[in-house]
């Protein structure tokens, strides 16, 4: 992972640290942020899988897992 990607992951992670939103809403918002930053749209199935990963926490590890799902999206 290049340093710019690591910085983006850390920025997303930091944005949710003190969030008052429940984890489900955080996951939805995080997926939207990822799509917006990358300028892509995930399929509904991939979006759901990404949100499921992020329900475990909005951390760099979980964000990376969600990004990998997005990379594998055939859409």
Protein backbone atom coordinates (compact mmCIF):
# COMPACT_ATOMS: atom_id res chain seq x y z
CA UNK A 1 0.00 0.00 0.00
CA UNK A 2 1.42 3.37 -0.93
CA UNK A 3 1.66 6.06 1.77
CA UNK A 4 -1.11 8.17 0.18
CA UNK A 5 -3.50 5.21 0.52
CA UNK A 6 -2.48 4.74 4.14
CA UNK A 7 -3.17 8.42 4.81
CA UNK A 8 -6.63 8.12 3.25
CA UNK A 9 -7.40 5.05 5.38
CA UNK A 10 -6.25 6.84 8.50
CA UNK A 11 -8.32 9.91 7.64
CA UNK A 12 -11.48 7.83 7.21
CA UNK A 13 -10.72 5.95 10.44
CA UNK A 14 -10.17 9.24 12.30
CA UNK A 15 -13.43 10.69 10.98
CA UNK A 16 -15.41 8.00 12.81
CA UNK A 17 -13.49 7.84 16.12
CA UNK A 18 -15.81 10.14 18.05
CA UNK A 19 -18.93 9.57 15.99
CA UNK A 20 -22.26 9.41 17.76
CA UNK A 21 -23.80 7.43 14.91
CA UNK A 22 -24.55 3.78 15.52
CA UNK A 23 -22.17 1.36 13.79
CA UNK A 24 -24.71 0.50 11.07
CA UNK A 25 -25.01 4.12 9.99
CA UNK A 26 -21.25 4.53 10.23
CA UNK A 27 -20.77 1.57 7.88
CA UNK A 28 -23.20 3.03 5.32
CA UNK A 29 -21.54 6.44 5.50
CA UNK A 30 -18.05 4.94 5.28
CA UNK A 31 -18.92 3.01 2.10
CA UNK A 32 -20.31 6.20 0.60
CA UNK A 33 -17.12 8.04 1.53
CA UNK A 34 -14.98 5.35 -0.09
CA UNK A 35 -17.06 5.47 -3.27
CA UNK A 36 -16.88 9.27 -3.32
CA UNK A 37 -13.13 9.41 -2.77
CA UNK A 38 -12.50 6.88 -5.52
CA UNK A 39 -15.20 8.24 -7.83
CA UNK A 40 -16.79 4.81 -8.31
CA UNK A 41 -20.09 3.13 -7.52
CA UNK A 42 -20.25 -0.40 -6.16
CA UNK A 43 -22.96 -2.84 -7.09
CA UNK A 44 -25.67 -3.34 -4.49
CA UNK A 45 -24.29 -6.76 -3.58
CA UNK A 46 -20.74 -5.45 -3.14
CA UNK A 47 -21.98 -2.45 -1.20
CA UNK A 48 -23.80 -4.78 1.21
CA UNK A 49 -20.67 -6.93 1.65
CA UNK A 50 -18.57 -3.82 2.30
CA UNK A 51 -21.04 -2.58 4.90
CA UNK A 52 -21.02 -6.00 6.54
CA UNK A 53 -17.22 -5.86 6.88
CA UNK A 54 -17.43 -2.39 8.38
CA UNK A 55 -20.02 -3.45 10.95
CA UNK A 56 -17.08 -5.01 12.81
CA UNK A 57 -15.53 -1.56 13.17
CA UNK A 58 -14.37 1.41 11.17
CA UNK A 59 -10.65 0.66 11.37
CA UNK A 60 -7.90 0.72 8.75
CA UNK A 61 -8.01 -3.10 8.66
CA UNK A 62 -11.76 -3.24 8.02
CA UNK A 63 -11.60 -0.36 5.54
CA UNK A 64 -8.87 -2.23 3.63
CA UNK A 65 -11.07 -5.34 3.56
CA UNK A 66 -13.96 -3.28 2.21
CA UNK A 67 -11.68 -1.77 -0.44
CA UNK A 68 -10.59 -5.25 -1.51
CA UNK A 69 -14.25 -6.20 -1.99
CA UNK A 70 -14.69 -3.09 -4.12
CA UNK A 71 -11.66 -4.00 -6.23
CA UNK A 72 -13.20 -7.42 -6.90
CA UNK A 73 -16.57 -5.94 -7.94
CA UNK A 74 -17.23 -6.86 -11.56
CA UNK A 75 -19.53 -3.86 -12.09
